Amino acid sequence: MGNLSKRREDSILIPSAYEDAKIRRSKECTREGVRAGAKAAAVAAVVTAVPTVLACRTIPWAKANLNYTAQALIISAASIAAYFITADKTILECARRNAHYDTPPL
């Protein structure tokens, strides 16, 4: 990010206040999406870890066929999916909320 701001400072073009506000809203949408995705991933990890571990200790088929790697794969797949789905939905919802289809002020 430092490179981008350095290039903007060296540019002979001056960005408008409208462009700065648009960039600020975009960054806020990204932060909001990351925050929501992390929360969803944490919840998904707990929700999938508890039944997976309990099943591997009590159900004979799971005990015989699901080693530690398989258990970790099940838990991490659910967490990764929850993160990306939630982050994507949050960012798109924020972008729709901030969308302005009028012409920028001069």
PDB file of N, CA and C in Angstrom:
ATOM      1  N   MET A   1       0.814  -1.186   0.000  1.00  0.00           N
ATOM      2  CA  MET A   1       0.000   0.000   0.000  1.00  0.00           C
ATOM      3  C   MET A   1       0.858   1.250   0.000  1.00  0.00           C
ATOM      4  N   GLY A   2       2.036   1.166   0.561  1.00  0.00           N
ATOM      5  CA  GLY A   2       2.912   2.322   0.600  1.00  0.00           C
ATOM      6  C   GLY A   2       3.289   2.791  -0.791  1.00  0.00           C
ATOM      7  N   ASN A   3       3.502   1.837  -1.697  1.00  0.00           N
ATOM      8  CA  ASN A   3       3.836   2.167  -3.075  1.00  0.00           C
ATOM      9  C   ASN A   3       2.715   2.938  -3.754  1.00  0.00           C
ATOM     10  N   LEU A   4       1.477   2.529  -3.495  1.00  0.00           N
ATOM     11  CA  LEU A   4       0.328   3.173  -4.121  1.00  0.00           C
ATOM     12  C   LEU A   4       0.215   4.622  -3.660  1.00  0.00           C
ATOM     13  N   SER A   5       0.352   4.854  -2.362  1.00  0.00           N
ATOM     14  CA  SER A   5       0.240   6.221  -1.875  1.00  0.00           C
ATOM     15  C   SER A   5       1.420   7.065  -2.347  1.00  0.00           C
ATOM     16  N   LYS A   6       2.591   6.463  -2.498  1.00  0.00           N
ATOM     17  CA  LYS A   6       3.762   7.183  -2.999  1.00  0.00           C
ATOM     18  C   LYS A   6       3.526   7.621  -4.446  1.00  0.00           C
ATOM     19  N   ARG A   7       2.942   6.727  -5.245  1.00  0.00           N
ATOM     20  CA  ARG A   7       2.662   7.067  -6.638  1.00  0.00           C
ATOM     21  C   ARG A   7       1.617   8.168  -6.729  1.00  0.00           C
ATOM     22  N   ARG A   8       0.638   8.154  -5.825  1.00  0.00           N
ATOM     23  CA  ARG A   8      -0.392   9.190  -5.844  1.00  0.00           C
ATOM     24  C   ARG A   8       0.199  10.543  -5.485  1.00  0.00           C
ATOM     25  N   GLU A   9       1.168  10.551  -4.577  1.00  0.00           N
ATOM     26  CA  GLU A   9       1.797  11.806  -4.194  1.00  0.00           C
ATOM     27  C   GLU A   9       2.649  12.372  -5.327  1.00  0.00           C
ATOM     28  N   ASP A  10       3.291  11.503  -6.096  1.00  0.00           N
ATOM     29  CA  ASP A  10       4.150  11.943  -7.182  1.00  0.00           C
ATOM     30  C   ASP A  10       3.380  12.314  -8.445  1.00  0.00           C
ATOM     31  N   SER A  11       2.116  11.962  -8.512  1.00  0.00           N
ATOM     32  CA  SER A  11       1.321  12.212  -9.704  1.00  0.00           C
ATOM     33  C   SER A  11       1.017  13.700  -9.852  1.00  0.00           C
ATOM     34  N   ILE A  12       0.911  14.127 -11.104  1.00  0.00           N
ATOM     35  CA  ILE A  12       0.538  15.517 -11.350  1.00  0.00           C
ATOM     36  C   ILE A  12      -0.973  15.697 -11.296  1.00  0.00           C
ATOM     37  N   LEU A  13      -1.712  14.582 -11.312  1.00  0.00           N
ATOM     38  CA  LEU A  13      -3.163  14.639 -11.233  1.00  0.00           C
ATOM     39  C   LEU A  13      -3.585  14.687  -9.773  1.00  0.00           C
ATOM     40  N   ILE A  14      -4.567  15.474  -9.475  1.00  0.00           N
ATOM     41  CA  ILE A  14      -5.068  15.600  -8.114  1.00  0.00           C
ATOM     42  C   ILE A  14      -6.411  14.889  -8.037  1.00  0.00           C
ATOM     43  N   PRO A  15      -6.533  13.876  -7.163  1.00  0.00           N
ATOM     44  CA  PRO A  15      -7.818  13.177  -7.070  1.00  0.00           C
ATOM     45  C   PRO A  15      -8.870  14.063  -6.417  1.00  0.00           C
ATOM     46  N   SER A  16     -10.093  13.881  -6.863  1.00  0.00           N
ATOM     47  CA  SER A  16     -11.182  14.677  -6.289  1.00  0.00           C
ATOM     48  C   SER A  16     -11.580  14.106  -4.936  1.00  0.00           C
ATOM     49  N   ALA A  17     -12.310  14.888  -4.194  1.00  0.00           N
ATOM     50  CA  ALA A  17     -12.808  14.426  -2.893  1.00  0.00           C
ATOM     51  C   ALA A  17     -13.767  13.255  -3.085  1.00  0.00           C
ATOM     52  N   TYR A  18     -14.486  13.250  -4.207  1.00  0.00           N
ATOM     53  CA  TYR A  18     -15.402  12.158  -4.516  1.00  0.00           C
ATOM     54  C   TYR A  18     -14.640  10.836  -4.665  1.00  0.00           C
ATOM     55  N   GLU A  19     -13.493  10.868  -5.350  1.00  0.00           N
ATOM     56  CA  GLU A  19     -12.687   9.655  -5.521  1.00  0.00           C
ATOM     57  C   GLU A  19     -12.116   9.179  -4.188  1.00  0.00           C
ATOM     58  N   ASP A  20     -11.657  10.113  -3.356  1.00  0.00           N
ATOM     59  CA  ASP A  20     -11.134   9.738  -2.047  1.00  0.00           C
ATOM     60  C   ASP A  20     -12.212   9.090  -1.191  1.00  0.00           C
ATOM     61  N   ALA A  21     -13.415   9.635  -1.232  1.00  0.00           N
ATOM     62  CA  ALA A  21     -14.517   9.057  -0.465  1.00  0.00           C
ATOM     63  C   ALA A  21     -14.871   7.673  -0.988  1.00  0.00           C
ATOM     64  N   LYS A  22     -14.813   7.501  -2.295  1.00  0.00           N
ATOM     65  CA  LYS A  22     -15.115   6.212  -2.914  1.00  0.00           C
ATOM     66  C   LYS A  22     -14.082   5.158  -2.489  1.00  0.00           C
ATOM     67  N   ILE A  23     -12.813   5.530  -2.460  1.00  0.00           N
ATOM     68  CA  ILE A  23     -11.744   4.619  -2.032  1.00  0.00           C
ATOM     69  C   ILE A  23     -11.904   4.274  -0.552  1.00  0.00           C
ATOM     70  N   ARG A  24     -12.249   5.276   0.261  1.00  0.00           N
ATOM     71  CA  ARG A  24     -12.432   5.045   1.694  1.00  0.00           C
ATOM     72  C   ARG A  24     -13.602   4.087   1.945  1.00  0.00           C
ATOM     73  N   ARG A  25     -14.713   4.264   1.204  1.00  0.00           N
ATOM     74  CA  ARG A  25     -15.856   3.360   1.352  1.00  0.00           C
ATOM     75  C   ARG A  25     -15.496   1.946   0.911  1.00  0.00           C
ATOM     76  N   SER A  26     -14.703   1.838  -0.139  1.00  0.00           N
ATOM     77  CA  SER A  26     -14.281   0.525  -0.623  1.00  0.00           C
ATOM     78  C   SER A  26     -13.430  -0.204   0.417  1.00  0.00           C
ATOM     79  N   LYS A  27     -12.509   0.515   1.034  1.00  0.00           N
ATOM     80  CA  LYS A  27     -11.670  -0.092   2.070  1.00  0.00           C
ATOM     81  C   LYS A  27     -12.503  -0.502   3.277  1.00  0.00           C
ATOM     82  N   GLU A  28     -13.489   0.308   3.633  1.00  0.00           N
ATOM     83  CA  GLU A  28     -14.349  -0.020   4.764  1.00  0.00           C
ATOM     84  C   GLU A  28     -15.181  -1.262   4.467  1.00  0.00           C
ATOM     85  N   CYS A  29     -15.649  -1.398   3.238  1.00  0.00           N
ATOM     86  CA  CYS A  29     -16.401  -2.594   2.853  1.00  0.00           C
ATOM     87  C   CYS A  29     -15.525  -3.840   2.957  1.00  0.00           C
ATOM     88  N   THR A  30     -14.278  -3.716   2.537  1.00  0.00           N
ATOM     89  CA  THR A  30     -13.363  -4.853   2.614  1.00  0.00           C
ATOM     90  C   THR A  30     -13.106  -5.233   4.064  1.00  0.00           C
ATOM     91  N   ARG A  31     -12.862  -4.235   4.915  1.00  0.00           N
ATOM     92  CA  ARG A  31     -12.639  -4.519   6.339  1.00  0.00           C
ATOM     93  C   ARG A  31     -13.853  -5.180   6.977  1.00  0.00           C
ATOM     94  N   GLU A  32     -15.019  -4.675   6.631  1.00  0.00           N
ATOM     95  CA  GLU A  32     -16.255  -5.237   7.176  1.00  0.00           C
ATOM     96  C   GLU A  32     -16.428  -6.694   6.726  1.00  0.00           C
ATOM     97  N   GLY A  33     -16.103  -6.990   5.472  1.00  0.00           N
ATOM     98  CA  GLY A  33     -16.202  -8.348   4.964  1.00  0.00           C
ATOM     99  C   GLY A  33     -15.225  -9.294   5.627  1.00  0.00           C
ATOM    100  N   VAL A  34     -14.004  -8.832   5.849  1.00  0.00           N
ATOM    101  CA  VAL A  34     -13.001  -9.674   6.510  1.00  0.00           C
ATOM    102  C   VAL A  34     -13.428  -9.966   7.942  1.00  0.00           C
ATOM    103  N   ARG A  35     -13.930  -8.956   8.631  1.00  0.00           N
ATOM    104  CA  ARG A  35     -14.367  -9.136  10.016  1.00  0.00           C
ATOM    105  C   ARG A  35     -15.519 -10.139  10.099  1.00  0.00           C
ATOM    106  N   ALA A  36     -16.508  -9.996   9.236  1.00  0.00           N
ATOM    107  CA  ALA A  36     -17.649 -10.909   9.238  1.00  0.00           C
ATOM    108  C   ALA A  36     -17.228 -12.324   8.838  1.00  0.00           C
ATOM    109  N   GLY A  37     -16.317 -12.426   7.876  1.00  0.00           N
ATOM    110  CA  GLY A  37     -15.832 -13.737   7.455  1.00  0.00           C
ATOM    111  C   GLY A  37     -15.069 -14.448   8.548  1.00  0.00           C
ATOM    112  N   ALA A  38     -14.262 -13.704   9.297  1.00  0.00           N
ATOM    113  CA  ALA A  38     -13.505 -14.316  10.398  1.00  0.00           C
ATOM    114  C   ALA A  38     -14.442 -14.820  11.489  1.00  0.00           C
ATOM    115  N   LYS A  39     -15.475 -14.049  11.782  1.00  0.00           N
ATOM    116  CA  LYS A  39     -16.445 -14.501  12.787  1.00  0.00           C
ATOM    117  C   LYS A  39     -17.151 -15.773  12.325  1.00  0.00           C
ATOM    118  N   ALA A  40     -17.554 -15.794  11.060  1.00  0.00           N
ATOM    119  CA  ALA A  40     -18.250 -16.967  10.530  1.00  0.00           C
ATOM    120  C   ALA A  40     -17.331 -18.186  10.503  1.00  0.00           C
ATOM    121  N   ALA A  41     -16.066 -17.981  10.176  1.00  0.00           N
ATOM    122  CA  ALA A  41     -15.117 -19.098  10.145  1.00  0.00           C
ATOM    123  C   ALA A  41     -14.897 -19.663  11.541  1.00  0.00           C
ATOM    124  N   ALA A  42     -14.819 -18.796  12.541  1.00  0.00           N
ATOM    125  CA  ALA A  42     -14.639 -19.265  13.919  1.00  0.00           C
ATOM    126  C   ALA A  42     -15.840 -20.080  14.375  1.00  0.00           C
ATOM    127  N   VAL A  43     -17.028 -19.606  14.062  1.00  0.00           N
ATOM    128  CA  VAL A  43     -18.240 -20.339  14.444  1.00  0.00           C
ATOM    129  C   VAL A  43     -18.299 -21.675  13.705  1.00  0.00           C
ATOM    130  N   ALA A  44     -17.976 -21.669  12.421  1.00  0.00           N
ATOM    131  CA  ALA A  44     -18.010 -22.907  11.626  1.00  0.00           C
ATOM    132  C   ALA A  44     -16.987 -23.912  12.131  1.00  0.00           C
ATOM    133  N   ALA A  45     -15.833 -23.436  12.565  1.00  0.00           N
ATOM    134  CA  ALA A  45     -14.813 -24.355  13.086  1.00  0.00           C
ATOM    135  C   ALA A  45     -15.310 -25.068  14.333  1.00  0.00           C
ATOM    136  N   VAL A  46     -15.918 -24.328  15.229  1.00  0.00           N
ATOM    137  CA  VAL A  46     -16.428 -24.948  16.458  1.00  0.00           C
ATOM    138  C   VAL A  46     -17.596 -25.875  16.153  1.00  0.00           C
ATOM    139  N   VAL A  47     -18.493 -25.412  15.293  1.00  0.00           N
ATOM    140  CA  VAL A  47     -19.684 -26.204  14.978  1.00  0.00           C
ATOM    141  C   VAL A  47     -19.318 -27.505  14.273  1.00  0.00           C
ATOM    142  N   THR A  48     -18.266 -27.521  13.470  1.00  0.00           N
ATOM    143  CA  THR A  48     -17.880 -28.765  12.802  1.00  0.00           C
ATOM    144  C   THR A  48     -16.886 -29.588  13.620  1.00  0.00           C
ATOM    145  N   ALA A  49     -16.094 -28.942  14.454  1.00  0.00           N
ATOM    146  CA  ALA A  49     -15.089 -29.688  15.220  1.00  0.00           C
ATOM    147  C   ALA A  49     -15.715 -30.592  16.269  1.00  0.00           C
ATOM    148  N   VAL A  50     -16.696 -30.089  16.977  1.00  0.00           N
ATOM    149  CA  VAL A  50     -17.291 -30.871  18.069  1.00  0.00           C
ATOM    150  C   VAL A  50     -17.923 -32.167  17.558  1.00  0.00           C
ATOM    151  N   PRO A  51     -18.820 -32.135  16.570  1.00  0.00           N
ATOM    152  CA  PRO A  51     -19.386 -33.408  16.116  1.00  0.00           C
ATOM    153  C   PRO A  51     -18.375 -34.310  15.409  1.00  0.00           C
ATOM    154  N   THR A  52     -17.408 -33.719  14.719  1.00  0.00           N
ATOM    155  CA  THR A  52     -16.415 -34.541  14.027  1.00  0.00           C
ATOM    156  C   THR A  52     -15.573 -35.321  15.028  1.00  0.00           C
ATOM    157  N   VAL A  53     -15.092 -34.647  16.047  1.00  0.00           N
ATOM    158  CA  VAL A  53     -14.258 -35.323  17.050  1.00  0.00           C
ATOM    159  C   VAL A  53     -15.082 -36.334  17.838  1.00  0.00           C
ATOM    160  N   LEU A  54     -16.290 -35.964  18.211  1.00  0.00           N
ATOM    161  CA  LEU A  54     -17.140 -36.911  18.948  1.00  0.00           C
ATOM    162  C   LEU A  54     -17.472 -38.129  18.095  1.00  0.00           C
ATOM    163  N   ALA A  55     -17.760 -37.929  16.826  1.00  0.00           N
ATOM    164  CA  ALA A  55     -18.070 -39.054  15.943  1.00  0.00           C
ATOM    165  C   ALA A  55     -16.869 -39.980  15.793  1.00  0.00           C
ATOM    166  N   CYS A  56     -15.678 -39.395  15.702  1.00  0.00           N
ATOM    167  CA  CYS A  56     -14.482 -40.224  15.531  1.00  0.00           C
ATOM    168  C   CYS A  56     -14.141 -41.011  16.801  1.00  0.00           C
ATOM    169  N   ARG A  57     -14.672 -40.597  17.921  1.00  0.00           N
ATOM    170  CA  ARG A  57     -14.419 -41.336  19.168  1.00  0.00           C
ATOM    171  C   ARG A  57     -15.512 -42.345  19.483  1.00  0.00           C
ATOM    172  N   THR A  58     -16.712 -42.171  18.931  1.00  0.00           N
ATOM    173  CA  THR A  58     -17.812 -43.054  19.312  1.00  0.00           C
ATOM    174  C   THR A  58     -18.308 -43.964  18.186  1.00  0.00           C
ATOM    175  N   ILE A  59     -18.318 -43.516  16.956  1.00  0.00           N
ATOM    176  CA  ILE A  59     -18.843 -44.321  15.847  1.00  0.00           C
ATOM    177  C   ILE A  59     -17.723 -45.203  15.304  1.00  0.00           C
ATOM    178  N   PRO A  60     -17.949 -46.509  15.258  1.00  0.00           N
ATOM    179  CA  PRO A  60     -16.876 -47.422  14.825  1.00  0.00           C
ATOM    180  C   PRO A  60     -16.370 -47.154  13.403  1.00  0.00           C
ATOM    181  N   TRP A  61     -17.279 -46.850  12.467  1.00  0.00           N
ATOM    182  CA  TRP A  61     -16.826 -46.589  11.097  1.00  0.00           C
ATOM    183  C   TRP A  61     -15.922 -45.368  11.054  1.00  0.00           C
ATOM    184  N   ALA A  62     -16.320 -44.288  11.710  1.00  0.00           N
ATOM    185  CA  ALA A  62     -15.517 -43.068  11.708  1.00  0.00           C
ATOM    186  C   ALA A  62     -14.189 -43.291  12.412  1.00  0.00           C
ATOM    187  N   LYS A  63     -14.211 -44.061  13.487  1.00  0.00           N
ATOM    188  CA  LYS A  63     -12.976 -44.353  14.213  1.00  0.00           C
ATOM    189  C   LYS A  63     -11.991 -45.114  13.330  1.00  0.00           C
ATOM    190  N   ALA A  64     -12.506 -46.006  12.489  1.00  0.00           N
ATOM    191  CA  ALA A  64     -11.639 -46.814  11.636  1.00  0.00           C
ATOM    192  C   ALA A  64     -11.172 -46.059  10.385  1.00  0.00           C
ATOM    193  N   ASN A  65     -11.969 -45.129   9.884  1.00  0.00           N
ATOM    194  CA  ASN A  65     -11.679 -44.535   8.581  1.00  0.00           C
ATOM    195  C   ASN A  65     -11.246 -43.078   8.585  1.00  0.00           C
ATOM    196  N   LEU A  66     -11.468 -42.347   9.656  1.00  0.00           N
ATOM    197  CA  LEU A  66     -11.115 -40.933   9.678  1.00  0.00           C
ATOM    198  C   LEU A  66      -9.929 -40.692  10.609  1.00  0.00           C
ATOM    199  N   ASN A  67      -8.757 -40.539  10.009  1.00  0.00           N
ATOM    200  CA  ASN A  67      -7.584 -40.235  10.831  1.00  0.00           C
ATOM    201  C   ASN A  67      -7.551 -38.736  11.146  1.00  0.00           C
ATOM    202  N   TYR A  68      -6.484 -38.278  11.803  1.00  0.00           N
ATOM    203  CA  TYR A  68      -6.397 -36.874  12.206  1.00  0.00           C
ATOM    204  C   TYR A  68      -6.397 -35.926  11.015  1.00  0.00           C
ATOM    205  N   THR A  69      -5.769 -36.357   9.926  1.00  0.00           N
ATOM    206  CA  THR A  69      -5.737 -35.507   8.731  1.00  0.00           C
ATOM    207  C   THR A  69      -7.128 -35.327   8.147  1.00  0.00           C
ATOM    208  N   ALA A  70      -7.898 -36.379   8.094  1.00  0.00           N
ATOM    209  CA  ALA A  70      -9.258 -36.294   7.574  1.00  0.00           C
ATOM    210  C   ALA A  70     -10.121 -35.401   8.455  1.00  0.00           C
ATOM    211  N   GLN A  71      -9.960 -35.519   9.756  1.00  0.00           N
ATOM    212  CA  GLN A  71     -10.724 -34.669  10.674  1.00  0.00           C
ATOM    213  C   GLN A  71     -10.372 -33.198  10.471  1.00  0.00           C
ATOM    214  N   ALA A  72      -9.080 -32.918  10.355  1.00  0.00           N
ATOM    215  CA  ALA A  72      -8.639 -31.543  10.141  1.00  0.00           C
ATOM    216  C   ALA A  72      -9.146 -31.016   8.807  1.00  0.00           C
ATOM    217  N   LEU A  73      -9.182 -31.861   7.789  1.00  0.00           N
ATOM    218  CA  LEU A  73      -9.675 -31.449   6.477  1.00  0.00           C
ATOM    219  C   LEU A  73     -11.158 -31.113   6.524  1.00  0.00           C
ATOM    220  N   ILE A  74     -11.931 -31.912   7.233  1.00  0.00           N
ATOM    221  CA  ILE A  74     -13.366 -31.633   7.365  1.00  0.00           C
ATOM    222  C   ILE A  74     -13.596 -30.295   8.049  1.00  0.00           C
ATOM    223  N   ILE A  75     -12.885 -30.068   9.143  1.00  0.00           N
ATOM    224  CA  ILE A  75     -13.062 -28.839   9.923  1.00  0.00           C
ATOM    225  C   ILE A  75     -12.578 -27.617   9.133  1.00  0.00           C
ATOM    226  N   SER A  76     -11.413 -27.731   8.523  1.00  0.00           N
ATOM    227  CA  SER A  76     -10.874 -26.569   7.798  1.00  0.00           C
ATOM    228  C   SER A  76     -11.675 -26.267   6.539  1.00  0.00           C
ATOM    229  N   ALA A  77     -12.197 -27.283   5.865  1.00  0.00           N
ATOM    230  CA  ALA A  77     -13.008 -27.032   4.664  1.00  0.00           C
ATOM    231  C   ALA A  77     -14.264 -26.245   5.019  1.00  0.00           C
ATOM    232  N   ALA A  78     -14.893 -26.615   6.115  1.00  0.00           N
ATOM    233  CA  ALA A  78     -16.089 -25.885   6.536  1.00  0.00           C
ATOM    234  C   ALA A  78     -15.740 -24.448   6.930  1.00  0.00           C
ATOM    235  N   SER A  79     -14.619 -24.260   7.611  1.00  0.00           N
ATOM    236  CA  SER A  79     -14.216 -22.916   8.039  1.00  0.00           C
ATOM    237  C   SER A  79     -13.871 -22.032   6.842  1.00  0.00           C
ATOM    238  N   ILE A  80     -13.137 -22.579   5.898  1.00  0.00           N
ATOM    239  CA  ILE A  80     -12.741 -21.809   4.711  1.00  0.00           C
ATOM    240  C   ILE A  80     -13.970 -21.428   3.890  1.00  0.00           C
ATOM    241  N   ALA A  81     -14.876 -22.373   3.714  1.00  0.00           N
ATOM    242  CA  ALA A  81     -16.090 -22.080   2.957  1.00  0.00           C
ATOM    243  C   ALA A  81     -16.909 -21.000   3.651  1.00  0.00           C
ATOM    244  N   ALA A  82     -17.050 -21.100   4.959  1.00  0.00           N
ATOM    245  CA  ALA A  82     -17.821 -20.094   5.704  1.00  0.00           C
ATOM    246  C   ALA A  82     -17.171 -18.722   5.581  1.00  0.00           C
ATOM    247  N   TYR A  83     -15.849 -18.672   5.662  1.00  0.00           N
ATOM    248  CA  TYR A  83     -15.148 -17.391   5.556  1.00  0.00           C
ATOM    249  C   TYR A  83     -15.418 -16.724   4.209  1.00  0.00           C
ATOM    250  N   PHE A  84     -15.169 -17.452   3.131  1.00  0.00           N
ATOM    251  CA  PHE A  84     -15.287 -16.833   1.810  1.00  0.00           C
ATOM    252  C   PHE A  84     -16.725 -16.506   1.439  1.00  0.00           C
ATOM    253  N   ILE A  85     -17.661 -17.359   1.787  1.00  0.00           N
ATOM    254  CA  ILE A  85     -19.061 -17.079   1.466  1.00  0.00           C
ATOM    255  C   ILE A  85     -19.542 -15.848   2.227  1.00  0.00           C
ATOM    256  N   THR A  86     -19.231 -15.789   3.523  1.00  0.00           N
ATOM    257  CA  THR A  86     -19.681 -14.658   4.332  1.00  0.00           C
ATOM    258  C   THR A  86     -18.989 -13.362   3.925  1.00  0.00           C
ATOM    259  N   ALA A  87     -17.683 -13.424   3.693  1.00  0.00           N
ATOM    260  CA  ALA A  87     -16.956 -12.219   3.290  1.00  0.00           C
ATOM    261  C   ALA A  87     -17.489 -11.699   1.961  1.00  0.00           C
ATOM    262  N   ASP A  88     -17.728 -12.588   1.014  1.00  0.00           N
ATOM    263  CA  ASP A  88     -18.238 -12.180  -0.292  1.00  0.00           C
ATOM    264  C   ASP A  88     -19.616 -11.543  -0.174  1.00  0.00           C
ATOM    265  N   LYS A  89     -20.514 -12.180   0.578  1.00  0.00           N
ATOM    266  CA  LYS A  89     -21.853 -11.631   0.744  1.00  0.00           C
ATOM    267  C   LYS A  89     -21.821 -10.280   1.447  1.00  0.00           C
ATOM    268  N   THR A  90     -20.952 -10.142   2.444  1.00  0.00           N
ATOM    269  CA  THR A  90     -20.869  -8.886   3.193  1.00  0.00           C
ATOM    270  C   THR A  90     -20.315  -7.765   2.321  1.00  0.00           C
ATOM    271  N   ILE A  91     -19.275  -8.057   1.557  1.00  0.00           N
ATOM    272  CA  ILE A  91     -18.687  -7.036   0.688  1.00  0.00           C
ATOM    273  C   ILE A  91     -19.679  -6.607  -0.386  1.00  0.00           C
ATOM    274  N   LEU A  92     -20.394  -7.546  -0.985  1.00  0.00           N
ATOM    275  CA  LEU A  92     -21.377  -7.194  -2.012  1.00  0.00           C
ATOM    276  C   LEU A  92     -22.529  -6.385  -1.425  1.00  0.00           C
ATOM    277  N   GLU A  93     -22.978  -6.753  -0.226  1.00  0.00           N
ATOM    278  CA  GLU A  93     -24.059  -6.015   0.419  1.00  0.00           C
ATOM    279  C   GLU A  93     -23.616  -4.589   0.749  1.00  0.00           C
ATOM    280  N   CYS A  94     -22.391  -4.453   1.221  1.00  0.00           N
ATOM    281  CA  CYS A  94     -21.851  -3.121   1.532  1.00  0.00           C
ATOM    282  C   CYS A  94     -21.683  -2.302   0.258  1.00  0.00           C
ATOM    283  N   ALA A  95     -21.246  -2.932  -0.812  1.00  0.00           N
ATOM    284  CA  ALA A  95     -21.076  -2.218  -2.081  1.00  0.00           C
ATOM    285  C   ALA A  95     -22.425  -1.752  -2.620  1.00  0.00           C
ATOM    286  N   ARG A  96     -23.452  -2.584  -2.492  1.00  0.00           N
ATOM    287  CA  ARG A  96     -24.784  -2.164  -2.921  1.00  0.00           C
ATOM    288  C   ARG A  96     -25.288  -0.995  -2.087  1.00  0.00           C
ATOM    289  N   ARG A  97     -25.006  -1.048  -0.802  1.00  0.00           N
ATOM    290  CA  ARG A  97     -25.439   0.018   0.103  1.00  0.00           C
ATOM    291  C   ARG A  97     -24.748   1.336  -0.243  1.00  0.00           C
ATOM    292  N   ASN A  98     -23.500   1.263  -0.697  1.00  0.00           N
ATOM    293  CA  ASN A  98     -22.728   2.463  -0.991  1.00  0.00           C
ATOM    294  C   ASN A  98     -22.768   2.872  -2.455  1.00  0.00           C
ATOM    295  N   ALA A  99     -23.486   2.130  -3.278  1.00  0.00           N
ATOM    296  CA  ALA A  99     -23.513   2.434  -4.711  1.00  0.00           C
ATOM    297  C   ALA A  99     -24.304   3.718  -4.955  1.00  0.00           C
ATOM    298  N   HIS A 100     -23.707   4.585  -5.725  1.00  0.00           N
ATOM    299  CA  HIS A 100     -24.366   5.825  -6.120  1.00  0.00           C
ATOM    300  C   HIS A 100     -24.323   5.868  -7.643  1.00  0.00           C
ATOM    301  N   TYR A 101     -25.504   5.842  -8.247  1.00  0.00           N
ATOM    302  CA  TYR A 101     -25.553   5.787  -9.701  1.00  0.00           C
ATOM    303  C   TYR A 101     -25.717   7.154 -10.340  1.00  0.00           C
ATOM    304  N   ASP A 102     -25.630   8.178  -9.537  1.00  0.00           N
ATOM    305  CA  ASP A 102     -25.698   9.514 -10.112  1.00  0.00           C
ATOM    306  C   ASP A 102     -24.305   9.934 -10.582  1.00  0.00           C
ATOM    307  N   THR A 103     -24.247  11.032 -11.269  1.00  0.00           N
ATOM    308  CA  THR A 103     -22.957  11.517 -11.749  1.00  0.00           C
ATOM    309  C   THR A 103     -22.179  12.151 -10.589  1.00  0.00           C
ATOM    310  N   PRO A 104     -20.861  12.017 -10.590  1.00  0.00           N
ATOM    311  CA  PRO A 104     -20.074  12.610  -9.512  1.00  0.00           C
ATOM    312  C   PRO A 104     -20.161  14.125  -9.549  1.00  0.00           C
ATOM    313  N   PRO A 105     -20.115  14.749  -8.364  1.00  0.00           N
ATOM    314  CA  PRO A 105     -20.151  16.218  -8.353  1.00  0.00           C
ATOM    315  C   PRO A 105     -18.882  16.799  -8.952  1.00  0.00           C
ATOM    316  N   LEU A 106     -19.025  17.925  -9.600  1.00  0.00           N
ATOM    317  CA  LEU A 106     -17.878  18.568 -10.238  1.00  0.00           C
ATOM    318  C   LEU A 106     -17.232  19.583  -9.338  1.00  0.00           C
TER     319      LEU A 106
END
